[in-house]
N, C-alpha and C. Protein backbone atom coordinates (compact mmCIF):
# COMPACT_ATOMS: atom_id res chain seq x y z
N MET A 1 26.15 -54.65 0.82
CA MET A 1 27.51 -54.79 0.31
C MET A 1 27.57 -54.26 -1.13
N ARG A 2 28.55 -53.42 -1.44
CA ARG A 2 28.59 -52.75 -2.74
C ARG A 2 28.98 -53.71 -3.86
N GLU A 3 28.19 -53.70 -4.92
CA GLU A 3 28.46 -54.52 -6.09
C GLU A 3 29.58 -53.88 -6.91
N PRO A 4 30.42 -54.70 -7.57
CA PRO A 4 31.43 -54.13 -8.46
C PRO A 4 30.78 -53.44 -9.64
N THR A 5 31.40 -52.42 -10.15
CA THR A 5 30.87 -51.70 -11.30
C THR A 5 30.90 -52.60 -12.54
N ALA A 6 30.15 -52.21 -13.56
CA ALA A 6 30.13 -52.98 -14.80
C ALA A 6 31.53 -53.07 -15.41
N LYS A 7 32.29 -51.97 -15.31
CA LYS A 7 33.65 -51.94 -15.84
C LYS A 7 34.54 -52.92 -15.09
N ARG A 8 34.37 -52.95 -13.75
CA ARG A 8 35.17 -53.85 -12.93
C ARG A 8 34.82 -55.31 -13.23
N LYS A 9 33.54 -55.59 -13.41
CA LYS A 9 33.11 -56.94 -13.75
C LYS A 9 33.71 -57.38 -15.08
N GLU A 10 33.73 -56.47 -16.04
CA GLU A 10 34.29 -56.79 -17.34
C GLU A 10 35.79 -57.08 -17.24
N LYS A 11 36.47 -56.35 -16.35
CA LYS A 11 37.89 -56.60 -16.12
C LYS A 11 38.10 -57.99 -15.53
N PHE A 12 37.31 -58.34 -14.52
CA PHE A 12 37.38 -59.67 -13.91
C PHE A 12 37.16 -60.76 -14.96
N LYS A 13 36.15 -60.54 -15.81
CA LYS A 13 35.80 -61.52 -16.82
C LYS A 13 36.92 -61.69 -17.84
N SER A 14 37.50 -60.56 -18.27
CA SER A 14 38.58 -60.60 -19.25
C SER A 14 39.81 -61.32 -18.70
N VAL A 15 40.16 -61.00 -17.45
CA VAL A 15 41.33 -61.63 -16.83
C VAL A 15 41.09 -63.12 -16.63
N ALA A 16 39.92 -63.48 -16.11
CA ALA A 16 39.60 -64.89 -15.86
C ALA A 16 39.61 -65.70 -17.16
N ALA A 17 39.08 -65.11 -18.24
CA ALA A 17 38.99 -65.82 -19.52
C ALA A 17 40.36 -66.12 -20.11
N ARG A 18 41.36 -65.29 -19.79
CA ARG A 18 42.69 -65.45 -20.37
C ARG A 18 43.67 -66.17 -19.44
N ARG A 19 43.20 -66.59 -18.28
CA ARG A 19 44.08 -67.34 -17.38
C ARG A 19 44.48 -68.67 -18.03
N GLN A 20 45.76 -68.99 -17.93
CA GLN A 20 46.30 -70.23 -18.48
C GLN A 20 46.25 -71.29 -17.37
N LEU A 21 45.11 -71.93 -17.25
CA LEU A 21 44.87 -72.82 -16.11
C LEU A 21 45.59 -74.15 -16.21
N ASP A 22 46.23 -74.41 -17.35
CA ASP A 22 47.01 -75.64 -17.49
C ASP A 22 48.51 -75.39 -17.32
N VAL A 23 48.84 -74.27 -16.68
CA VAL A 23 50.24 -73.92 -16.40
C VAL A 23 50.40 -73.65 -14.91
N ALA A 24 51.51 -74.12 -14.33
CA ALA A 24 51.78 -73.87 -12.92
C ALA A 24 53.26 -73.56 -12.73
N ILE A 25 53.57 -72.82 -11.67
CA ILE A 25 54.94 -72.51 -11.29
C ILE A 25 55.24 -73.18 -9.95
N ILE A 26 56.41 -73.79 -9.84
CA ILE A 26 56.85 -74.42 -8.59
C ILE A 26 58.13 -73.74 -8.14
N LEU A 27 58.13 -73.21 -6.93
CA LEU A 27 59.31 -72.57 -6.35
C LEU A 27 59.79 -73.43 -5.18
N GLU A 28 61.02 -73.93 -5.29
CA GLU A 28 61.53 -74.81 -4.24
C GLU A 28 62.56 -74.10 -3.36
N ASN A 29 62.30 -74.11 -2.06
CA ASN A 29 63.25 -73.60 -1.05
C ASN A 29 63.69 -72.17 -1.31
N ILE A 30 62.78 -71.33 -1.73
CA ILE A 30 63.10 -69.92 -1.95
C ILE A 30 63.20 -69.24 -0.58
N THR A 31 64.32 -68.59 -0.33
CA THR A 31 64.55 -67.99 0.99
C THR A 31 64.17 -66.52 1.06
N ASP A 32 64.15 -65.86 -0.08
CA ASP A 32 63.84 -64.43 -0.11
C ASP A 32 62.40 -64.24 -0.57
N MET A 33 61.52 -63.81 0.32
CA MET A 33 60.12 -63.66 -0.03
C MET A 33 59.88 -62.54 -1.04
N HIS A 34 60.85 -61.62 -1.18
CA HIS A 34 60.72 -60.61 -2.23
C HIS A 34 60.80 -61.27 -3.61
N ASN A 35 61.63 -62.33 -3.71
CA ASN A 35 61.69 -63.08 -4.96
C ASN A 35 60.37 -63.76 -5.25
N SER A 36 59.79 -64.39 -4.23
CA SER A 36 58.50 -65.06 -4.41
C SER A 36 57.42 -64.05 -4.82
N ALA A 37 57.44 -62.90 -4.19
CA ALA A 37 56.45 -61.87 -4.51
C ALA A 37 56.62 -61.36 -5.94
N ALA A 38 57.87 -61.21 -6.37
CA ALA A 38 58.13 -60.75 -7.74
C ALA A 38 57.66 -61.79 -8.75
N VAL A 39 57.84 -63.07 -8.43
CA VAL A 39 57.34 -64.14 -9.30
C VAL A 39 55.82 -64.09 -9.38
N MET A 40 55.17 -63.86 -8.24
CA MET A 40 53.71 -63.75 -8.23
C MET A 40 53.24 -62.64 -9.15
N ARG A 41 53.92 -61.53 -9.10
CA ARG A 41 53.53 -60.37 -9.91
C ARG A 41 53.66 -60.69 -11.40
N THR A 42 54.74 -61.38 -11.77
CA THR A 42 54.93 -61.76 -13.17
C THR A 42 53.89 -62.78 -13.60
N CYS A 43 53.61 -63.75 -12.73
CA CYS A 43 52.60 -64.76 -13.05
C CYS A 43 51.25 -64.10 -13.34
N ASP A 44 50.85 -63.18 -12.49
CA ASP A 44 49.59 -62.48 -12.71
C ASP A 44 49.62 -61.75 -14.06
N ALA A 45 50.75 -61.14 -14.37
CA ALA A 45 50.86 -60.34 -15.60
C ALA A 45 50.70 -61.20 -16.86
N VAL A 46 51.18 -62.45 -16.83
CA VAL A 46 51.12 -63.29 -18.02
C VAL A 46 49.96 -64.29 -17.96
N GLY A 47 49.12 -64.17 -16.94
CA GLY A 47 47.91 -64.97 -16.90
C GLY A 47 48.05 -66.34 -16.26
N ILE A 48 48.98 -66.46 -15.32
CA ILE A 48 49.15 -67.73 -14.60
C ILE A 48 48.72 -67.53 -13.16
N SER A 49 47.88 -68.42 -12.68
CA SER A 49 47.32 -68.21 -11.34
C SER A 49 47.69 -69.29 -10.33
N ARG A 50 48.43 -70.32 -10.74
CA ARG A 50 48.80 -71.39 -9.81
C ARG A 50 50.30 -71.37 -9.50
N ILE A 51 50.62 -71.17 -8.23
CA ILE A 51 52.01 -71.21 -7.78
C ILE A 51 52.11 -72.18 -6.60
N PHE A 52 53.06 -73.09 -6.70
CA PHE A 52 53.32 -74.04 -5.62
C PHE A 52 54.63 -73.66 -4.93
N LEU A 53 54.57 -73.41 -3.63
CA LEU A 53 55.76 -73.13 -2.83
C LEU A 53 56.15 -74.42 -2.13
N LEU A 54 57.25 -75.02 -2.57
CA LEU A 54 57.72 -76.30 -2.04
C LEU A 54 58.94 -76.07 -1.15
N ASN A 55 58.83 -76.47 0.10
CA ASN A 55 59.91 -76.27 1.05
C ASN A 55 60.41 -77.62 1.54
N THR A 56 61.48 -78.14 0.94
CA THR A 56 62.01 -79.46 1.29
C THR A 56 63.22 -79.39 2.20
N ASP A 57 63.75 -78.20 2.42
CA ASP A 57 64.93 -78.01 3.26
C ASP A 57 64.50 -77.99 4.73
N GLU A 58 65.00 -78.94 5.52
CA GLU A 58 64.61 -79.04 6.93
C GLU A 58 64.89 -77.74 7.69
N SER A 59 65.98 -77.07 7.34
CA SER A 59 66.35 -75.84 8.06
C SER A 59 65.42 -74.68 7.75
N LEU A 60 64.59 -74.84 6.70
CA LEU A 60 63.70 -73.75 6.29
C LEU A 60 62.23 -74.05 6.54
N LYS A 61 61.92 -75.24 7.03
CA LYS A 61 60.52 -75.66 7.11
C LYS A 61 59.69 -74.86 8.10
N HIS A 62 60.37 -74.15 9.00
CA HIS A 62 59.62 -73.33 9.95
C HIS A 62 59.67 -71.85 9.56
N LYS A 63 60.17 -71.59 8.36
CA LYS A 63 60.27 -70.21 7.90
C LYS A 63 58.88 -69.62 7.69
N ASN A 64 58.71 -68.37 8.03
CA ASN A 64 57.43 -67.69 7.85
C ASN A 64 57.28 -67.28 6.38
N TYR A 65 56.36 -67.93 5.67
CA TYR A 65 56.18 -67.65 4.25
C TYR A 65 55.17 -66.54 4.04
N THR A 66 55.46 -65.38 4.56
CA THR A 66 54.60 -64.23 4.34
C THR A 66 55.16 -63.43 3.17
N VAL A 67 54.39 -63.31 2.12
CA VAL A 67 54.85 -62.62 0.92
C VAL A 67 54.58 -61.13 1.06
N GLY A 68 55.60 -60.35 0.83
CA GLY A 68 55.50 -58.91 1.01
C GLY A 68 54.45 -58.25 0.13
N LYS A 69 53.59 -57.44 0.74
CA LYS A 69 52.51 -56.79 -0.01
C LYS A 69 53.06 -55.78 -1.01
N ARG A 70 54.11 -55.06 -0.63
CA ARG A 70 54.61 -54.00 -1.51
C ARG A 70 55.17 -54.57 -2.80
N THR A 71 56.00 -55.64 -2.68
CA THR A 71 56.59 -56.23 -3.87
C THR A 71 55.55 -56.90 -4.74
N ALA A 72 54.57 -57.56 -4.10
CA ALA A 72 53.54 -58.26 -4.86
C ALA A 72 52.60 -57.29 -5.56
N SER A 73 52.50 -56.07 -5.03
CA SER A 73 51.70 -55.00 -5.64
C SER A 73 50.26 -55.44 -5.93
N GLY A 74 49.63 -56.13 -4.97
CA GLY A 74 48.24 -56.50 -5.12
C GLY A 74 48.01 -57.81 -5.84
N SER A 75 49.04 -58.40 -6.46
CA SER A 75 48.85 -59.63 -7.23
C SER A 75 48.54 -60.82 -6.35
N ARG A 76 48.88 -60.74 -5.07
CA ARG A 76 48.62 -61.85 -4.14
C ARG A 76 47.14 -62.24 -4.12
N LYS A 77 46.27 -61.28 -4.34
CA LYS A 77 44.84 -61.55 -4.31
C LYS A 77 44.37 -62.36 -5.52
N TRP A 78 45.15 -62.34 -6.60
CA TRP A 78 44.67 -62.90 -7.86
C TRP A 78 45.41 -64.15 -8.30
N VAL A 79 46.30 -64.66 -7.45
CA VAL A 79 46.96 -65.93 -7.74
C VAL A 79 46.70 -66.89 -6.59
N GLU A 80 46.80 -68.17 -6.89
CA GLU A 80 46.53 -69.21 -5.90
C GLU A 80 47.85 -69.81 -5.43
N LEU A 81 48.16 -69.65 -4.15
CA LEU A 81 49.37 -70.20 -3.58
C LEU A 81 49.07 -71.50 -2.84
N SER A 82 49.88 -72.53 -3.09
CA SER A 82 49.75 -73.79 -2.37
C SER A 82 51.11 -74.09 -1.73
N TYR A 83 51.10 -74.47 -0.46
CA TYR A 83 52.33 -74.70 0.31
C TYR A 83 52.52 -76.19 0.56
N PHE A 84 53.74 -76.69 0.29
CA PHE A 84 54.05 -78.10 0.53
C PHE A 84 55.44 -78.24 1.16
N THR A 85 55.60 -79.27 1.98
CA THR A 85 56.92 -79.63 2.52
C THR A 85 57.31 -81.03 2.05
N ASP A 86 56.43 -81.68 1.33
CA ASP A 86 56.68 -83.03 0.82
C ASP A 86 56.61 -83.02 -0.70
N SER A 87 57.69 -83.43 -1.35
CA SER A 87 57.76 -83.38 -2.82
C SER A 87 56.71 -84.25 -3.48
N ALA A 88 56.55 -85.48 -2.97
CA ALA A 88 55.59 -86.40 -3.59
C ALA A 88 54.18 -85.83 -3.56
N ALA A 89 53.79 -85.26 -2.44
CA ALA A 89 52.45 -84.67 -2.32
C ALA A 89 52.30 -83.47 -3.25
N CYS A 90 53.35 -82.68 -3.34
CA CYS A 90 53.33 -81.49 -4.20
C CYS A 90 53.13 -81.88 -5.66
N PHE A 91 53.92 -82.83 -6.14
CA PHE A 91 53.86 -83.15 -7.56
C PHE A 91 52.65 -84.00 -7.92
N LYS A 92 52.10 -84.69 -6.95
CA LYS A 92 50.82 -85.37 -7.17
C LYS A 92 49.74 -84.34 -7.49
N GLU A 93 49.77 -83.21 -6.76
CA GLU A 93 48.82 -82.14 -7.00
C GLU A 93 49.12 -81.43 -8.32
N VAL A 94 50.39 -81.18 -8.61
CA VAL A 94 50.77 -80.52 -9.85
C VAL A 94 50.28 -81.29 -11.07
N ARG A 95 50.41 -82.62 -11.00
CA ARG A 95 50.03 -83.47 -12.13
C ARG A 95 48.52 -83.44 -12.43
N LYS A 96 47.74 -82.92 -11.51
CA LYS A 96 46.30 -82.78 -11.77
C LYS A 96 46.05 -81.72 -12.84
N TYR A 97 46.98 -80.77 -12.96
CA TYR A 97 46.79 -79.65 -13.87
C TYR A 97 47.75 -79.67 -15.05
N CYS A 98 48.90 -80.32 -14.87
CA CYS A 98 49.99 -80.18 -15.85
C CYS A 98 50.50 -81.54 -16.31
N ASP A 99 50.68 -81.68 -17.62
CA ASP A 99 51.16 -82.94 -18.18
C ASP A 99 52.67 -83.06 -18.17
N LYS A 100 53.36 -81.97 -18.50
CA LYS A 100 54.82 -82.02 -18.58
C LYS A 100 55.43 -81.05 -17.58
N ILE A 101 56.53 -81.48 -16.97
CA ILE A 101 57.20 -80.64 -15.97
C ILE A 101 58.61 -80.31 -16.45
N TYR A 102 58.89 -79.00 -16.54
CA TYR A 102 60.21 -78.51 -16.92
C TYR A 102 60.93 -77.98 -15.68
N ALA A 103 62.25 -78.20 -15.63
CA ALA A 103 63.06 -77.69 -14.53
C ALA A 103 64.21 -76.85 -15.07
N THR A 104 64.48 -75.73 -14.44
CA THR A 104 65.62 -74.90 -14.83
C THR A 104 66.88 -75.50 -14.21
N HIS A 105 67.57 -76.30 -15.01
CA HIS A 105 68.74 -77.03 -14.49
C HIS A 105 69.64 -77.41 -15.65
N LEU A 106 70.94 -77.26 -15.44
CA LEU A 106 71.92 -77.59 -16.49
C LEU A 106 72.49 -78.98 -16.25
N ASN A 107 72.27 -79.87 -17.23
CA ASN A 107 72.97 -81.16 -17.26
C ASN A 107 73.12 -81.58 -18.72
N SER A 108 73.57 -82.80 -18.96
CA SER A 108 73.86 -83.22 -20.32
C SER A 108 72.60 -83.33 -21.19
N ASP A 109 71.45 -83.45 -20.55
CA ASP A 109 70.20 -83.60 -21.29
C ASP A 109 69.41 -82.30 -21.41
N SER A 110 69.93 -81.21 -20.88
CA SER A 110 69.20 -79.94 -20.89
C SER A 110 69.04 -79.41 -22.32
N ILE A 111 67.92 -78.75 -22.56
CA ILE A 111 67.70 -78.07 -23.84
C ILE A 111 67.61 -76.58 -23.58
N GLY A 112 67.68 -75.79 -24.63
CA GLY A 112 67.58 -74.35 -24.48
C GLY A 112 66.15 -73.90 -24.25
N LEU A 113 65.98 -72.77 -23.61
CA LEU A 113 64.66 -72.22 -23.33
C LEU A 113 63.79 -72.17 -24.58
N TYR A 114 64.37 -71.72 -25.71
CA TYR A 114 63.58 -71.51 -26.92
C TYR A 114 63.27 -72.80 -27.65
N ASP A 115 63.79 -73.92 -27.14
CA ASP A 115 63.47 -75.23 -27.71
C ASP A 115 62.36 -75.93 -26.92
N CYS A 116 61.92 -75.32 -25.83
CA CYS A 116 60.84 -75.88 -25.03
C CYS A 116 59.49 -75.61 -25.70
N ASP A 117 58.60 -76.57 -25.59
CA ASP A 117 57.24 -76.38 -26.08
C ASP A 117 56.34 -76.05 -24.89
N PHE A 118 56.04 -74.76 -24.74
CA PHE A 118 55.20 -74.31 -23.63
C PHE A 118 53.73 -74.14 -24.04
N THR A 119 53.39 -74.61 -25.24
CA THR A 119 52.01 -74.45 -25.69
C THR A 119 51.10 -75.53 -25.12
N SER A 120 51.68 -76.61 -24.65
CA SER A 120 50.91 -77.68 -24.03
C SER A 120 50.92 -77.51 -22.52
N SER A 121 50.08 -78.27 -21.84
CA SER A 121 49.98 -78.21 -20.39
C SER A 121 51.33 -78.47 -19.73
N CYS A 122 51.78 -77.55 -18.86
CA CYS A 122 53.12 -77.70 -18.29
C CYS A 122 53.27 -76.98 -16.95
N ALA A 123 54.29 -77.43 -16.21
CA ALA A 123 54.69 -76.76 -14.97
C ALA A 123 56.17 -76.44 -15.07
N LEU A 124 56.59 -75.37 -14.41
CA LEU A 124 57.98 -74.92 -14.45
C LEU A 124 58.53 -74.86 -13.03
N ILE A 125 59.69 -75.50 -12.81
CA ILE A 125 60.31 -75.51 -11.49
C ILE A 125 61.49 -74.54 -11.47
N PHE A 126 61.53 -73.71 -10.42
CA PHE A 126 62.65 -72.82 -10.17
C PHE A 126 63.15 -73.08 -8.75
N GLY A 127 64.48 -73.15 -8.59
CA GLY A 127 65.04 -73.58 -7.31
C GLY A 127 65.62 -72.48 -6.46
N ASN A 128 66.19 -72.91 -5.36
CA ASN A 128 66.81 -72.04 -4.37
C ASN A 128 67.83 -71.09 -4.99
N GLU A 129 67.90 -69.88 -4.45
CA GLU A 129 68.76 -68.83 -5.00
C GLU A 129 70.23 -69.25 -5.05
N LYS A 130 70.68 -70.07 -4.12
CA LYS A 130 72.09 -70.47 -4.05
C LYS A 130 72.34 -71.85 -4.63
N ASP A 131 71.51 -72.82 -4.25
CA ASP A 131 71.78 -74.22 -4.59
C ASP A 131 70.94 -74.77 -5.73
N GLY A 132 69.98 -74.01 -6.20
CA GLY A 132 69.15 -74.49 -7.29
C GLY A 132 68.12 -75.52 -6.84
N ILE A 133 67.74 -76.40 -7.75
CA ILE A 133 66.72 -77.40 -7.49
C ILE A 133 67.37 -78.65 -6.90
N THR A 134 66.77 -79.23 -5.87
CA THR A 134 67.33 -80.43 -5.26
C THR A 134 67.20 -81.63 -6.20
N GLU A 135 68.08 -82.63 -5.97
CA GLU A 135 68.03 -83.85 -6.78
C GLU A 135 66.69 -84.56 -6.62
N GLU A 136 66.14 -84.52 -5.41
CA GLU A 136 64.85 -85.16 -5.15
C GLU A 136 63.76 -84.56 -6.04
N THR A 137 63.75 -83.25 -6.14
CA THR A 137 62.73 -82.59 -6.95
C THR A 137 63.01 -82.73 -8.44
N LEU A 138 64.28 -82.72 -8.82
CA LEU A 138 64.63 -82.90 -10.23
C LEU A 138 64.11 -84.23 -10.78
N ALA A 139 63.99 -85.23 -9.91
CA ALA A 139 63.52 -86.55 -10.34
C ALA A 139 62.09 -86.49 -10.87
N TYR A 140 61.35 -85.46 -10.50
CA TYR A 140 59.96 -85.33 -10.96
C TYR A 140 59.86 -84.59 -12.30
N ALA A 141 60.96 -84.02 -12.75
CA ALA A 141 60.94 -83.25 -14.00
C ALA A 141 61.03 -84.17 -15.21
N ASP A 142 60.30 -83.82 -16.26
CA ASP A 142 60.37 -84.55 -17.52
C ASP A 142 61.47 -84.02 -18.42
N GLN A 143 61.83 -82.75 -18.23
CA GLN A 143 62.83 -82.12 -19.08
C GLN A 143 63.50 -80.97 -18.34
N ASN A 144 64.82 -80.89 -18.46
CA ASN A 144 65.56 -79.75 -17.92
C ASN A 144 65.84 -78.75 -19.05
N PHE A 145 65.87 -77.47 -18.69
CA PHE A 145 66.19 -76.46 -19.70
C PHE A 145 67.06 -75.37 -19.09
N VAL A 146 67.71 -74.63 -19.96
CA VAL A 146 68.57 -73.52 -19.52
C VAL A 146 68.22 -72.28 -20.33
N ILE A 147 68.42 -71.12 -19.71
CA ILE A 147 68.23 -69.84 -20.39
C ILE A 147 69.56 -69.46 -21.05
N PRO A 148 69.59 -69.21 -22.35
CA PRO A 148 70.85 -68.86 -23.02
C PRO A 148 71.45 -67.57 -22.43
N MET A 149 72.73 -67.62 -22.11
CA MET A 149 73.43 -66.45 -21.58
C MET A 149 74.82 -66.38 -22.20
N HIS A 150 75.31 -65.16 -22.42
CA HIS A 150 76.57 -64.98 -23.14
C HIS A 150 77.54 -64.07 -22.39
N GLY A 151 77.28 -63.86 -21.10
CA GLY A 151 78.16 -63.01 -20.32
C GLY A 151 79.11 -63.82 -19.44
N MET A 152 79.86 -63.13 -18.61
CA MET A 152 80.78 -63.78 -17.68
C MET A 152 80.01 -64.52 -16.59
N VAL A 153 78.89 -63.96 -16.15
CA VAL A 153 78.07 -64.58 -15.12
C VAL A 153 77.02 -65.45 -15.78
N GLN A 154 76.96 -66.70 -15.38
CA GLN A 154 76.06 -67.66 -16.01
C GLN A 154 74.86 -68.02 -15.14
N SER A 155 74.33 -67.02 -14.46
CA SER A 155 73.13 -67.26 -13.67
C SER A 155 72.33 -65.97 -13.56
N LEU A 156 71.04 -66.11 -13.30
CA LEU A 156 70.15 -64.97 -13.13
C LEU A 156 69.44 -65.09 -11.78
N ASN A 157 69.04 -63.95 -11.24
CA ASN A 157 68.19 -63.97 -10.07
C ASN A 157 66.95 -64.80 -10.36
N ILE A 158 66.44 -65.52 -9.36
CA ILE A 158 65.32 -66.42 -9.55
C ILE A 158 64.10 -65.71 -10.15
N SER A 159 63.80 -64.52 -9.68
CA SER A 159 62.62 -63.82 -10.19
C SER A 159 62.84 -63.36 -11.63
N VAL A 160 64.08 -63.01 -11.98
CA VAL A 160 64.38 -62.61 -13.35
C VAL A 160 64.31 -63.82 -14.28
N ALA A 161 64.90 -64.94 -13.84
CA ALA A 161 64.85 -66.17 -14.64
C ALA A 161 63.42 -66.60 -14.90
N CYS A 162 62.58 -66.48 -13.88
CA CYS A 162 61.17 -66.84 -14.04
C CYS A 162 60.49 -65.90 -15.02
N ALA A 163 60.76 -64.61 -14.92
CA ALA A 163 60.13 -63.64 -15.81
C ALA A 163 60.53 -63.89 -17.26
N VAL A 164 61.82 -64.12 -17.51
CA VAL A 164 62.29 -64.39 -18.87
C VAL A 164 61.58 -65.62 -19.44
N THR A 165 61.47 -66.66 -18.62
CA THR A 165 60.84 -67.90 -19.06
C THR A 165 59.34 -67.71 -19.33
N LEU A 166 58.68 -66.99 -18.44
CA LEU A 166 57.24 -66.83 -18.58
C LEU A 166 56.87 -65.97 -19.79
N TYR A 167 57.72 -65.02 -20.13
CA TYR A 167 57.40 -64.22 -21.31
C TYR A 167 57.66 -65.00 -22.60
N GLU A 168 58.57 -65.96 -22.56
CA GLU A 168 58.70 -66.87 -23.70
C GLU A 168 57.48 -67.78 -23.78
N LEU A 169 57.01 -68.25 -22.63
CA LEU A 169 55.78 -69.06 -22.60
C LEU A 169 54.61 -68.27 -23.15
N GLN A 170 54.49 -67.01 -22.74
CA GLN A 170 53.40 -66.17 -23.24
C GLN A 170 53.51 -65.96 -24.75
N ARG A 171 54.73 -65.73 -25.23
CA ARG A 171 54.94 -65.52 -26.68
C ARG A 171 54.43 -66.73 -27.47
N GLN A 172 54.81 -67.92 -27.01
CA GLN A 172 54.38 -69.13 -27.71
C GLN A 172 52.87 -69.31 -27.66
N ARG A 173 52.29 -69.04 -26.52
CA ARG A 173 50.85 -69.25 -26.36
C ARG A 173 50.03 -68.18 -27.06
N LEU A 174 50.54 -66.98 -27.15
CA LEU A 174 49.87 -65.95 -27.93
C LEU A 174 49.82 -66.36 -29.41
N ARG A 175 50.93 -66.91 -29.88
CA ARG A 175 51.01 -67.36 -31.28
C ARG A 175 49.97 -68.45 -31.58
N GLU A 176 49.69 -69.27 -30.56
CA GLU A 176 48.73 -70.37 -30.71
C GLU A 176 47.29 -69.94 -30.41
N GLY A 177 47.10 -68.67 -30.07
CA GLY A 177 45.76 -68.17 -29.81
C GLY A 177 45.17 -68.55 -28.46
N LYS A 178 46.03 -68.94 -27.52
CA LYS A 178 45.55 -69.41 -26.22
C LYS A 178 45.10 -68.27 -25.30
N TYR A 179 45.34 -67.03 -25.70
CA TYR A 179 44.86 -65.88 -24.93
C TYR A 179 43.64 -65.22 -25.59
N ASN A 180 43.24 -65.75 -26.73
CA ASN A 180 42.18 -65.11 -27.51
C ASN A 180 40.80 -65.56 -27.07
N HIS A 181 40.43 -65.25 -25.83
CA HIS A 181 39.12 -65.62 -25.33
C HIS A 181 38.32 -64.37 -24.99
N ALA A 182 37.30 -64.11 -25.78
CA ALA A 182 36.44 -62.96 -25.51
C ALA A 182 35.46 -63.27 -24.40
N ASP A 183 35.22 -64.56 -24.19
CA ASP A 183 34.27 -64.99 -23.16
C ASP A 183 34.94 -66.06 -22.31
N LEU A 184 34.25 -66.51 -21.28
CA LEU A 184 34.80 -67.53 -20.39
C LEU A 184 34.72 -68.89 -21.09
N PRO A 185 35.88 -69.48 -21.45
CA PRO A 185 35.87 -70.67 -22.32
C PRO A 185 35.50 -71.99 -21.64
N THR A 186 35.74 -72.11 -20.34
CA THR A 186 35.47 -73.37 -19.66
C THR A 186 34.76 -73.12 -18.33
N ALA A 187 34.25 -74.20 -17.74
CA ALA A 187 33.61 -74.09 -16.42
C ALA A 187 34.61 -73.61 -15.38
N SER A 188 35.87 -74.01 -15.53
CA SER A 188 36.90 -73.59 -14.58
C SER A 188 37.15 -72.09 -14.67
N HIS A 189 37.11 -71.53 -15.88
CA HIS A 189 37.26 -70.09 -16.05
C HIS A 189 36.05 -69.35 -15.47
N GLN A 190 34.87 -69.91 -15.65
CA GLN A 190 33.67 -69.31 -15.07
C GLN A 190 33.73 -69.32 -13.55
N GLU A 191 34.24 -70.43 -12.99
CA GLU A 191 34.40 -70.53 -11.54
C GLU A 191 35.40 -69.50 -11.04
N LEU A 192 36.47 -69.29 -11.81
CA LEU A 192 37.47 -68.31 -11.43
C LEU A 192 36.89 -66.90 -11.45
N TYR A 193 36.09 -66.61 -12.44
CA TYR A 193 35.41 -65.31 -12.53
C TYR A 193 34.54 -65.07 -11.29
N GLN A 194 33.78 -66.08 -10.91
CA GLN A 194 32.95 -65.96 -9.72
C GLN A 194 33.80 -65.77 -8.47
N ASN A 195 34.95 -66.43 -8.45
CA ASN A 195 35.88 -66.28 -7.33
C ASN A 195 36.38 -64.85 -7.21
N TYR A 196 36.65 -64.22 -8.35
CA TYR A 196 37.09 -62.82 -8.35
C TYR A 196 35.99 -61.91 -7.81
N LEU A 197 34.75 -62.17 -8.20
CA LEU A 197 33.63 -61.39 -7.69
C LEU A 197 33.51 -61.55 -6.18
N ASP A 198 33.67 -62.78 -5.70
CA ASP A 198 33.57 -63.04 -4.27
C ASP A 198 34.69 -62.33 -3.50
N ARG A 199 35.91 -62.36 -4.07
CA ARG A 199 37.04 -61.68 -3.42
C ARG A 199 36.79 -60.17 -3.33
N HIS A 200 36.24 -59.64 -4.40
CA HIS A 200 35.93 -58.21 -4.41
C HIS A 200 34.94 -57.87 -3.30
N GLN A 201 33.90 -58.67 -3.18
CA GLN A 201 32.89 -58.44 -2.14
C GLN A 201 33.51 -58.55 -0.75
N LYS A 202 34.33 -59.56 -0.55
CA LYS A 202 34.96 -59.77 0.75
C LYS A 202 35.89 -58.62 1.10
N GLN A 203 36.65 -58.15 0.11
CA GLN A 203 37.57 -57.05 0.35
C GLN A 203 36.82 -55.79 0.75
N ASN A 204 35.73 -55.49 0.06
CA ASN A 204 34.93 -54.31 0.40
C ASN A 204 34.31 -54.43 1.78
N TYR A 205 33.88 -55.65 2.11
CA TYR A 205 33.28 -55.87 3.44
C TYR A 205 34.32 -55.67 4.53
N ASN A 206 35.54 -56.21 4.31
CA ASN A 206 36.60 -56.05 5.33
C ASN A 206 36.99 -54.60 5.52
N LYS A 207 37.01 -53.84 4.41
CA LYS A 207 37.33 -52.40 4.52
C LYS A 207 36.26 -51.68 5.31
N LYS A 208 35.01 -52.05 5.08
CA LYS A 208 33.90 -51.42 5.78
C LYS A 208 33.98 -51.71 7.27
N VAL A 209 34.32 -52.94 7.64
CA VAL A 209 34.45 -53.33 9.03
C VAL A 209 35.61 -52.58 9.69
N GLU A 210 36.73 -52.44 8.95
CA GLU A 210 37.89 -51.72 9.49
C GLU A 210 37.56 -50.26 9.75
N ARG A 211 36.80 -49.63 8.85
CA ARG A 211 36.43 -48.23 9.06
C ARG A 211 35.55 -48.06 10.29
N LYS A 212 34.64 -49.03 10.47
CA LYS A 212 33.76 -48.96 11.65
C LYS A 212 34.55 -49.18 12.93
N GLY A 213 35.58 -50.06 12.84
CA GLY A 213 36.38 -50.34 14.03
C GLY A 213 37.25 -49.18 14.43
């Protein structure tokens, strides 16, 4: 089985070292898998590898959650997707990694995006394209926030809203030096690096088998 080149190994190491392992994204009842794939691509770009797909809508629970390869542009291999149909189970798992949960939702207690502190361990909830986040799921949020908008339309596509939010998160974390890791800072980052090496080996093996077939 072919070993990754030294350059490829260095890329894996660099990416793994800068992963923000105390951040997670939660997508609830997303109906368009192109949106989910676009979110995955943005998550990979800003160094987030945990995405929770929560499906609480009974009419959608049998939906095929296959994320399009073209839209994801290869990022599917480098992020971790977890699927849930039960909110309590989902947020029990989320709390293992994240201390504070933010939800994109407008109410009397909502704060602006730029008033959120994304430098600490956190998870971000984004809801259904039409109906937003359910009341059941909102109950798990510690804070609601809104993205400032000044046009006639007061909403953004889910993947765009997520991208805007994640780049603000990245801006804050860059300022705090949370991406400044020349080496693997924790055992979890080292484990992730090894996982990337294993995925690379598996991918090459599968390609070899396909050519033989």
